Amino acid sequence: SGSIFRLSDMGWYRQAPGKQRELVAVIASGGNT
């Protein structure tokens, strides 16, 4: 929600039991991944 989505860098992270959260993938506002 919100009007700033298109300006935001978006990322997916994951956390398995007993492990630290880690970055899975990121897509910048300009589309770079």
Full PDB file with SEQRES, HELIX, SHEET, SSBOND, CRYST1, ORIGX, SCALE, CONECT and MASTER records, all heavy atoms in Angstrom:
SEQRES   1 A   33  SER GLY SER ILE PHE ARG LEU SER ASP MET GLY TRP TYR          
SEQRES   2 A   33  ARG GLN ALA PRO GLY LYS GLN ARG GLU LEU VAL ALA VAL          
SEQRES   3 A   33  ILE ALA SER GLY GLY ASN THR                                  
HELIX    1 AA1 PHE A    5  LEU A    7  5                                   3    
SHEET    1 AA1 2 MET A  10  ARG A  14  0                                        
SHEET    2 AA1 2 GLU A  22  ILE A  27 -1                                        
CRYST1    1.000    1.000    1.000  90.00  90.00  90.00 P 1           1          
ORIGX1      1.000000  0.000000  0.000000        0.00000                         
ORIGX2      0.000000  1.000000  0.000000        0.00000                         
ORIGX3      0.000000  0.000000  1.000000        0.00000                         
SCALE1      1.000000  0.000000  0.000000        0.00000                         
SCALE2      0.000000  1.000000  0.000000        0.00000                         
SCALE3      0.000000  0.000000  1.000000        0.00000                         
ATOM      1  N   SER A   1       0.852  -1.179   0.000  1.00  0.00           N  
ATOM      2  CA  SER A   1       0.000   0.000   0.000  1.00  0.00           C  
ATOM      3  C   SER A   1       0.891   1.232   0.000  1.00  0.00           C  
ATOM      4  O   SER A   1       2.076   1.139   0.302  1.00  0.00           O  
ATOM      5  CB  SER A   1      -0.885   0.015   1.240  1.00  0.00           C  
ATOM      6  OG  SER A   1      -0.091   0.144   2.398  1.00  0.00           O  
ATOM      7  N   GLY A   2       0.343   2.365  -0.362  1.00  0.00           N  
ATOM      8  CA  GLY A   2       1.135   3.575  -0.337  1.00  0.00           C  
ATOM      9  C   GLY A   2       1.641   3.969  -1.711  1.00  0.00           C  
ATOM     10  O   GLY A   2       1.802   3.128  -2.590  1.00  0.00           O  
ATOM     11  N   SER A   3       1.903   5.246  -1.860  1.00  0.00           N  
ATOM     12  CA  SER A   3       2.241   5.795  -3.166  1.00  0.00           C  
ATOM     13  C   SER A   3       3.727   5.726  -3.490  1.00  0.00           C  
ATOM     14  O   SER A   3       4.126   6.087  -4.587  1.00  0.00           O  
ATOM     15  CB  SER A   3       1.772   7.247  -3.243  1.00  0.00           C  
ATOM     16  OG  SER A   3       2.408   8.007  -2.227  1.00  0.00           O  
ATOM     17  N   ILE A   4       4.542   5.265  -2.531  1.00  0.00           N  
ATOM     18  CA  ILE A   4       5.980   5.294  -2.781  1.00  0.00           C  
ATOM     19  C   ILE A   4       6.514   3.952  -3.260  1.00  0.00           C  
ATOM     20  O   ILE A   4       7.714   3.771  -3.382  1.00  0.00           O  
ATOM     21  CB  ILE A   4       6.765   5.730  -1.521  1.00  0.00           C  
ATOM     22  CG1 ILE A   4       6.571   4.723  -0.383  1.00  0.00           C  
ATOM     23  CG2 ILE A   4       6.374   7.131  -1.116  1.00  0.00           C  
ATOM     24  CD1 ILE A   4       7.489   4.989   0.798  1.00  0.00           C  
ATOM     25  N   PHE A   5       5.618   3.001  -3.545  1.00  0.00           N  
ATOM     26  CA  PHE A   5       6.080   1.671  -3.945  1.00  0.00           C  
ATOM     27  C   PHE A   5       7.031   1.755  -5.123  1.00  0.00           C  
ATOM     28  O   PHE A   5       8.102   1.140  -5.109  1.00  0.00           O  
ATOM     29  CB  PHE A   5       4.886   0.778  -4.302  1.00  0.00           C  
ATOM     30  CG  PHE A   5       5.284  -0.562  -4.882  1.00  0.00           C  
ATOM     31  CD1 PHE A   5       5.656  -1.587  -4.045  1.00  0.00           C  
ATOM     32  CD2 PHE A   5       5.311  -0.766  -6.255  1.00  0.00           C  
ATOM     33  CE1 PHE A   5       6.037  -2.826  -4.568  1.00  0.00           C  
ATOM     34  CE2 PHE A   5       5.694  -1.984  -6.788  1.00  0.00           C  
ATOM     35  CZ  PHE A   5       6.054  -3.016  -5.934  1.00  0.00           C  
ATOM     36  N   ARG A   6       6.646   2.510  -6.142  1.00  0.00           N  
ATOM     37  CA  ARG A   6       7.460   2.532  -7.362  1.00  0.00           C  
ATOM     38  C   ARG A   6       8.836   3.154  -7.117  1.00  0.00           C  
ATOM     39  O   ARG A   6       9.745   2.972  -7.920  1.00  0.00           O  
ATOM     40  CB  ARG A   6       6.728   3.304  -8.461  1.00  0.00           C  
ATOM     41  CG  ARG A   6       6.512   4.770  -8.151  1.00  0.00           C  
ATOM     42  CD  ARG A   6       5.784   5.476  -9.292  1.00  0.00           C  
ATOM     43  NE  ARG A   6       5.570   6.888  -8.981  1.00  0.00           N  
ATOM     44  CZ  ARG A   6       6.465   7.823  -9.199  1.00  0.00           C  
ATOM     45  NH1 ARG A   6       7.628   7.505  -9.735  1.00  0.00           N  
ATOM     46  NH2 ARG A   6       6.202   9.083  -8.904  1.00  0.00           N  
ATOM     47  N   LEU A   7       8.988   3.892  -6.027  1.00  0.00           N  
ATOM     48  CA  LEU A   7      10.272   4.511  -5.698  1.00  0.00           C  
ATOM     49  C   LEU A   7      11.125   3.626  -4.793  1.00  0.00           C  
ATOM     50  O   LEU A   7      12.295   3.925  -4.544  1.00  0.00           O  
ATOM     51  CB  LEU A   7      10.043   5.851  -4.998  1.00  0.00           C  
ATOM     52  CG  LEU A   7       9.261   6.894  -5.791  1.00  0.00           C  
ATOM     53  CD1 LEU A   7       9.005   8.124  -4.923  1.00  0.00           C  
ATOM     54  CD2 LEU A   7      10.007   7.283  -7.057  1.00  0.00           C  
ATOM     55  N   SER A   8      10.519   2.549  -4.290  1.00  0.00           N  
ATOM     56  CA  SER A   8      11.165   1.731  -3.278  1.00  0.00           C  
ATOM     57  C   SER A   8      11.970   0.599  -3.878  1.00  0.00           C  
ATOM     58  O   SER A   8      11.593   0.013  -4.896  1.00  0.00           O  
ATOM     59  CB  SER A   8      10.103   1.134  -2.338  1.00  0.00           C  
ATOM     60  OG  SER A   8       9.347   2.137  -1.698  1.00  0.00           O  
ATOM     61  N   ASP A   9      13.084   0.302  -3.235  1.00  0.00           N  
ATOM     62  CA  ASP A   9      13.807  -0.930  -3.509  1.00  0.00           C  
ATOM     63  C   ASP A   9      13.094  -2.041  -2.741  1.00  0.00           C  
ATOM     64  O   ASP A   9      12.855  -1.908  -1.533  1.00  0.00           O  
ATOM     65  CB  ASP A   9      15.261  -0.831  -3.056  1.00  0.00           C  
ATOM     66  CG  ASP A   9      16.043   0.211  -3.835  1.00  0.00           C  
ATOM     67  OD1 ASP A   9      15.642   0.541  -4.961  1.00  0.00           O  
ATOM     68  OD2 ASP A   9      17.057   0.696  -3.294  1.00  0.00           O  
ATOM     69  N   MET A  10      12.787  -3.120  -3.419  1.00  0.00           N  
ATOM     70  CA  MET A  10      12.009  -4.197  -2.812  1.00  0.00           C  
ATOM     71  C   MET A  10      12.865  -5.450  -2.682  1.00  0.00           C  
ATOM     72  O   MET A  10      13.607  -5.794  -3.618  1.00  0.00           O  
ATOM     73  CB  MET A  10      10.784  -4.521  -3.672  1.00  0.00           C  
ATOM     74  CG  MET A  10       9.845  -3.340  -3.898  1.00  0.00           C  
ATOM     75  SD  MET A  10       9.129  -2.736  -2.363  1.00  0.00           S  
ATOM     76  CE  MET A  10       8.225  -4.182  -1.802  1.00  0.00           C  
ATOM     77  N   GLY A  11      12.737  -6.125  -1.554  1.00  0.00           N  
ATOM     78  CA  GLY A  11      13.532  -7.318  -1.336  1.00  0.00           C  
ATOM     79  C   GLY A  11      12.737  -8.442  -0.725  1.00  0.00           C  
ATOM     80  O   GLY A  11      11.731  -8.209  -0.055  1.00  0.00           O  
ATOM     81  N   TRP A  12      13.177  -9.646  -0.999  1.00  0.00           N  
ATOM     82  CA  TRP A  12      12.666 -10.840  -0.325  1.00  0.00           C  
ATOM     83  C   TRP A  12      13.777 -11.379   0.566  1.00  0.00           C  
ATOM     84  O   TRP A  12      14.921 -11.517   0.120  1.00  0.00           O  
ATOM     85  CB  TRP A  12      12.254 -11.912  -1.333  1.00  0.00           C  
ATOM     86  CG  TRP A  12      10.949 -11.635  -2.007  1.00  0.00           C  
ATOM     87  CD1 TRP A  12      10.763 -11.097  -3.251  1.00  0.00           C  
ATOM     88  CD2 TRP A  12       9.649 -11.901  -1.470  1.00  0.00           C  
ATOM     89  NE1 TRP A  12       9.419 -11.000  -3.524  1.00  0.00           N  
ATOM     90  CE2 TRP A  12       8.706 -11.492  -2.450  1.00  0.00           C  
ATOM     91  CE3 TRP A  12       9.176 -12.441  -0.278  1.00  0.00           C  
ATOM     92  CZ2 TRP A  12       7.329 -11.614  -2.266  1.00  0.00           C  
ATOM     93  CZ3 TRP A  12       7.815 -12.557  -0.097  1.00  0.00           C  
ATOM     94  CH2 TRP A  12       6.903 -12.149  -1.076  1.00  0.00           C  
ATOM     95  N   TYR A  13      13.426 -11.661   1.801  1.00  0.00           N  
ATOM     96  CA  TYR A  13      14.339 -12.244   2.768  1.00  0.00           C  
ATOM     97  C   TYR A  13      13.720 -13.540   3.281  1.00  0.00           C  
ATOM     98  O   TYR A  13      12.497 -13.741   3.165  1.00  0.00           O  
ATOM     99  CB  TYR A  13      14.559 -11.280   3.949  1.00  0.00           C  
ATOM    100  CG  TYR A  13      15.337 -10.040   3.612  1.00  0.00           C  
ATOM    101  CD1 TYR A  13      14.747  -9.011   2.871  1.00  0.00           C  
ATOM    102  CD2 TYR A  13      16.653  -9.882   4.028  1.00  0.00           C  
ATOM    103  CE1 TYR A  13      15.463  -7.862   2.562  1.00  0.00           C  
ATOM    104  CE2 TYR A  13      17.372  -8.730   3.726  1.00  0.00           C  
ATOM    105  CZ  TYR A  13      16.770  -7.733   2.993  1.00  0.00           C  
ATOM    106  OH  TYR A  13      17.483  -6.599   2.686  1.00  0.00           O  
ATOM    107  N   ARG A  14      14.559 -14.383   3.883  1.00  0.00           N  
ATOM    108  CA  ARG A  14      14.024 -15.586   4.491  1.00  0.00           C  
ATOM    109  C   ARG A  14      14.762 -15.899   5.777  1.00  0.00           C  
ATOM    110  O   ARG A  14      15.915 -15.525   5.940  1.00  0.00           O  
ATOM    111  CB  ARG A  14      14.103 -16.769   3.526  1.00  0.00           C  
ATOM    112  CG  ARG A  14      15.506 -17.245   3.211  1.00  0.00           C  
ATOM    113  CD  ARG A  14      15.462 -18.324   2.135  1.00  0.00           C  
ATOM    114  NE  ARG A  14      16.793 -18.820   1.809  1.00  0.00           N  
ATOM    115  CZ  ARG A  14      17.049 -19.661   0.807  1.00  0.00           C  
ATOM    116  NH1 ARG A  14      16.044 -20.098   0.037  1.00  0.00           N  
ATOM    117  NH2 ARG A  14      18.273 -20.074   0.579  1.00  0.00           N  
ATOM    118  N   GLN A  15      14.042 -16.570   6.657  1.00  0.00           N  
ATOM    119  CA  GLN A  15      14.643 -16.995   7.920  1.00  0.00           C  
ATOM    120  C   GLN A  15      14.191 -18.408   8.224  1.00  0.00           C  
ATOM    121  O   GLN A  15      12.989 -18.666   8.384  1.00  0.00           O  
ATOM    122  CB  GLN A  15      14.259 -16.056   9.062  1.00  0.00           C  
ATOM    123  CG  GLN A  15      14.987 -16.368  10.353  1.00  0.00           C  
ATOM    124  CD  GLN A  15      14.842 -15.267  11.384  1.00  0.00           C  
ATOM    125  OE1 GLN A  15      13.930 -14.444  11.317  1.00  0.00           O  
ATOM    126  NE2 GLN A  15      15.750 -15.225  12.342  1.00  0.00           N  
ATOM    127  N   ALA A  16      15.160 -19.300   8.290  1.00  0.00           N  
ATOM    128  CA  ALA A  16      14.895 -20.692   8.653  1.00  0.00           C  
ATOM    129  C   ALA A  16      15.033 -20.843  10.160  1.00  0.00           C  
ATOM    130  O   ALA A  16      15.712 -20.040  10.808  1.00  0.00           O  
ATOM    131  CB  ALA A  16      15.873 -21.601   7.922  1.00  0.00           C  
ATOM    132  N   PRO A  17      14.418 -21.866  10.728  1.00  0.00           N  
ATOM    133  CA  PRO A  17      14.504 -22.066  12.186  1.00  0.00           C  
ATOM    134  C   PRO A  17      15.952 -22.170  12.637  1.00  0.00           C  
ATOM    135  O   PRO A  17      16.751 -22.907  12.056  1.00  0.00           O  
ATOM    136  CB  PRO A  17      13.756 -23.392  12.391  1.00  0.00           C  
ATOM    137  CG  PRO A  17      12.824 -23.478  11.248  1.00  0.00           C  
ATOM    138  CD  PRO A  17      13.530 -22.847  10.087  1.00  0.00           C  
ATOM    139  N   GLY A  18      16.293 -21.394  13.659  1.00  0.00           N  
ATOM    140  CA  GLY A  18      17.633 -21.439  14.215  1.00  0.00           C  
ATOM    141  C   GLY A  18      18.690 -20.719  13.411  1.00  0.00           C  
ATOM    142  O   GLY A  18      19.880 -20.782  13.754  1.00  0.00           O  
ATOM    143  N   LYS A  19      18.267 -20.032  12.347  1.00  0.00           N  
ATOM    144  CA  LYS A  19      19.230 -19.325  11.497  1.00  0.00           C  
ATOM    145  C   LYS A  19      18.893 -17.850  11.427  1.00  0.00           C  
ATOM    146  O   LYS A  19      17.781 -17.429  11.721  1.00  0.00           O  
ATOM    147  CB  LYS A  19      19.249 -19.932  10.092  1.00  0.00           C  
ATOM    148  CG  LYS A  19      19.754 -21.360  10.039  1.00  0.00           C  
ATOM    149  CD  LYS A  19      19.916 -21.819   8.596  1.00  0.00           C  
ATOM    150  CE  LYS A  19      20.497 -23.222   8.531  1.00  0.00           C  
ATOM    151  NZ  LYS A  19      20.691 -23.671   7.122  1.00  0.00           N  
ATOM    152  N   GLN A  20      19.887 -17.069  11.015  1.00  0.00           N  
ATOM    153  CA  GLN A  20      19.659 -15.638  10.848  1.00  0.00           C  
ATOM    154  C   GLN A  20      18.908 -15.373   9.551  1.00  0.00           C  
ATOM    155  O   GLN A  20      18.966 -16.155   8.607  1.00  0.00           O  
ATOM    156  CB  GLN A  20      21.007 -14.894  10.828  1.00  0.00           C  
ATOM    157  CG  GLN A  20      21.692 -14.839  12.177  1.00  0.00           C  
ATOM    158  CD  GLN A  20      22.890 -13.900  12.162  1.00  0.00           C  
ATOM    159  OE1 GLN A  20      23.532 -13.704  11.145  1.00  0.00           O  
ATOM    160  NE2 GLN A  20      23.184 -13.309  13.312  1.00  0.00           N  
ATOM    161  N   ARG A  21      18.207 -14.250   9.537  1.00  0.00           N  
ATOM    162  CA  ARG A  21      17.527 -13.842   8.317  1.00  0.00           C  
ATOM    163  C   ARG A  21      18.556 -13.533   7.237  1.00  0.00           C  
ATOM    164  O   ARG A  21      19.592 -12.911   7.523  1.00  0.00           O  
ATOM    165  CB  ARG A  21      16.647 -12.622   8.583  1.00  0.00           C  
ATOM    166  CG  ARG A  21      15.801 -12.191   7.396  1.00  0.00           C  
ATOM    167  CD  ARG A  21      14.748 -11.194   7.820  1.00  0.00           C  
ATOM    168  NE  ARG A  21      15.309 -10.004   8.426  1.00  0.00           N  
ATOM    169  CZ  ARG A  21      14.610  -9.124   9.128  1.00  0.00           C  
ATOM    170  NH1 ARG A  21      13.312  -9.320   9.320  1.00  0.00           N  
ATOM    171  NH2 ARG A  21      15.197  -8.064   9.642  1.00  0.00           N  
ATOM    172  N   GLU A  22      18.266 -13.951   6.016  1.00  0.00           N  
ATOM    173  CA  GLU A  22      19.186 -13.711   4.914  1.00  0.00           C  
ATOM    174  C   GLU A  22      18.444 -13.126   3.719  1.00  0.00           C  
ATOM    175  O   GLU A  22      17.262 -13.402   3.508  1.00  0.00           O  
ATOM    176  CB  GLU A  22      19.888 -15.009   4.488  1.00  0.00           C  
ATOM    177  CG  GLU A  22      18.961 -16.084   3.947  1.00  0.00           C  
ATOM    178  CD  GLU A  22      19.709 -17.303   3.429  1.00  0.00           C  
ATOM    179  OE1 GLU A  22      20.950 -17.274   3.350  1.00  0.00           O  
ATOM    180  OE2 GLU A  22      19.033 -18.293   3.092  1.00  0.00           O  
ATOM    181  N   LEU A  23      19.179 -12.332   2.955  1.00  0.00           N  
ATOM    182  CA  LEU A  23      18.629 -11.756   1.744  1.00  0.00           C  
ATOM    183  C   LEU A  23      18.517 -12.842   0.675  1.00  0.00           C  
ATOM    184  O   LEU A  23      19.470 -13.586   0.435  1.00  0.00           O  
ATOM    185  CB  LEU A  23      19.510 -10.617   1.240  1.00  0.00           C  
ATOM    186  CG  LEU A  23      19.125  -9.999  -0.096  1.00  0.00           C  
ATOM    187  CD1 LEU A  23      17.797  -9.265   0.019  1.00  0.00           C  
ATOM    188  CD2 LEU A  23      20.218  -9.060  -0.585  1.00  0.00           C  
ATOM    189  N   VAL A  24      17.370 -12.914   0.030  1.00  0.00           N  
ATOM    190  CA  VAL A  24      17.164 -13.861  -1.060  1.00  0.00           C  
ATOM    191  C   VAL A  24      17.332 -13.159  -2.400  1.00  0.00           C  
ATOM    192  O   VAL A  24      18.077 -13.617  -3.271  1.00  0.00           O  
ATOM    193  CB  VAL A  24      15.758 -14.489  -0.979  1.00  0.00           C  
ATOM    194  CG1 VAL A  24      15.510 -15.403  -2.171  1.00  0.00           C  
ATOM    195  CG2 VAL A  24      15.593 -15.248   0.328  1.00  0.00           C  
ATOM    196  N   ALA A  25      16.623 -12.050  -2.570  1.00  0.00           N  
ATOM    197  CA  ALA A  25      16.661 -11.329  -3.844  1.00  0.00           C  
ATOM    198  C   ALA A  25      16.195  -9.904  -3.615  1.00  0.00           C  
ATOM    199  O   ALA A  25      15.401  -9.647  -2.704  1.00  0.00           O  
ATOM    200  CB  ALA A  25      15.776 -12.005  -4.892  1.00  0.00           C  
ATOM    201  N   VAL A  26      16.683  -9.008  -4.438  1.00  0.00           N  
ATOM    202  CA  VAL A  26      16.280  -7.608  -4.340  1.00  0.00           C  
ATOM    203  C   VAL A  26      16.089  -7.060  -5.745  1.00  0.00           C  
ATOM    204  O   VAL A  26      16.791  -7.468  -6.682  1.00  0.00           O  
ATOM    205  CB  VAL A  26      17.323  -6.784  -3.557  1.00  0.00           C  
ATOM    206  CG1 VAL A  26      18.666  -6.794  -4.257  1.00  0.00           C  
ATOM    207  CG2 VAL A  26      16.842  -5.367  -3.334  1.00  0.00           C  
ATOM    208  N   ILE A  27      15.119  -6.183  -5.877  1.00  0.00           N  
ATOM    209  CA  ILE A  27      14.888  -5.483  -7.139  1.00  0.00           C  
ATOM    210  C   ILE A  27      14.799  -3.994  -6.832  1.00  0.00           C  
ATOM    211  O   ILE A  27      13.985  -3.563  -6.010  1.00  0.00           O  
ATOM    212  CB  ILE A  27      13.647  -6.007  -7.876  1.00  0.00           C  
ATOM    213  CG1 ILE A  27      13.489  -5.317  -9.233  1.00  0.00           C  
ATOM    214  CG2 ILE A  27      12.383  -5.883  -7.030  1.00  0.00           C  
ATOM    215  CD1 ILE A  27      12.499  -6.020 -10.160  1.00  0.00           C  
ATOM    216  N   ALA A  28      15.654  -3.227  -7.481  1.00  0.00           N  
ATOM    217  CA  ALA A  28      15.688  -1.799  -7.239  1.00  0.00           C  
ATOM    218  C   ALA A  28      14.518  -1.104  -7.923  1.00  0.00           C  
ATOM    219  O   ALA A  28      13.842  -1.696  -8.772  1.00  0.00           O  
ATOM    220  CB  ALA A  28      17.007  -1.223  -7.744  1.00  0.00           C  
ATOM    221  N   SER A  29      14.307   0.146  -7.550  1.00  0.00           N  
ATOM    222  CA  SER A  29      13.206   0.890  -8.161  1.00  0.00           C  
ATOM    223  C   SER A  29      13.367   0.980  -9.672  1.00  0.00           C  
ATOM    224  O   SER A  29      12.373   0.989 -10.412  1.00  0.00           O  
ATOM    225  CB  SER A  29      13.111   2.286  -7.553  1.00  0.00           C  
ATOM    226  OG  SER A  29      14.329   2.986  -7.733  1.00  0.00           O  
ATOM    227  N   GLY A  30      14.606   0.978 -10.133  1.00  0.00           N  
ATOM    228  CA  GLY A  30      14.860   1.044 -11.567  1.00  0.00           C  
ATOM    229  C   GLY A  30      14.834  -0.292 -12.273  1.00  0.00           C  
ATOM    230  O   GLY A  30      14.950  -0.351 -13.504  1.00  0.00           O  
ATOM    231  N   GLY A  31      14.684  -1.379 -11.498  1.00  0.00           N  
ATOM    232  CA  GLY A  31      14.548  -2.698 -12.100  1.00  0.00           C  
ATOM    233  C   GLY A  31      15.764  -3.599 -11.995  1.00  0.00           C  
ATOM    234  O   GLY A  31      15.676  -4.784 -12.323  1.00  0.00           O  
ATOM    235  N   ASN A  32      16.897  -3.060 -11.547  1.00  0.00           N  
ATOM    236  CA  ASN A  32      18.070  -3.926 -11.381  1.00  0.00           C  
ATOM    237  C   ASN A  32      17.809  -4.959 -10.296  1.00  0.00           C  
ATOM    238  O   ASN A  32      17.156  -4.666  -9.285  1.00  0.00           O  
ATOM    239  CB  ASN A  32      19.289  -3.098 -11.003  1.00  0.00           C  
ATOM    240  CG  ASN A  32      19.783  -2.246 -12.156  1.00  0.00           C  
ATOM    241  OD1 ASN A  32      19.517  -2.536 -13.311  1.00  0.00           O  
ATOM    242  ND2 ASN A  32      20.505  -1.184 -11.833  1.00  0.00           N  
ATOM    243  N   THR A  33      18.333  -6.161 -10.508  1.00  0.00           N  
ATOM    244  CA  THR A  33      18.094  -7.254  -9.558  1.00  0.00           C  
ATOM    245  C   THR A  33      19.411  -7.830  -9.044  1.00  0.00           C  
ATOM    246  O   THR A  33      20.468  -7.700  -9.685  1.00  0.00           O  
ATOM    247  CB  THR A  33      17.286  -8.389 -10.215  1.00  0.00           C  
ATOM    248  OG1 THR A  33      18.007  -8.881 -11.348  1.00  0.00           O  
ATOM    249  CG2 THR A  33      15.918  -7.901 -10.657  1.00  0.00           C  
TER     250      THR A  33                                                      
MASTER        0    0    0    1    2    0    0    6  249    1    0    3          
END                                                                             
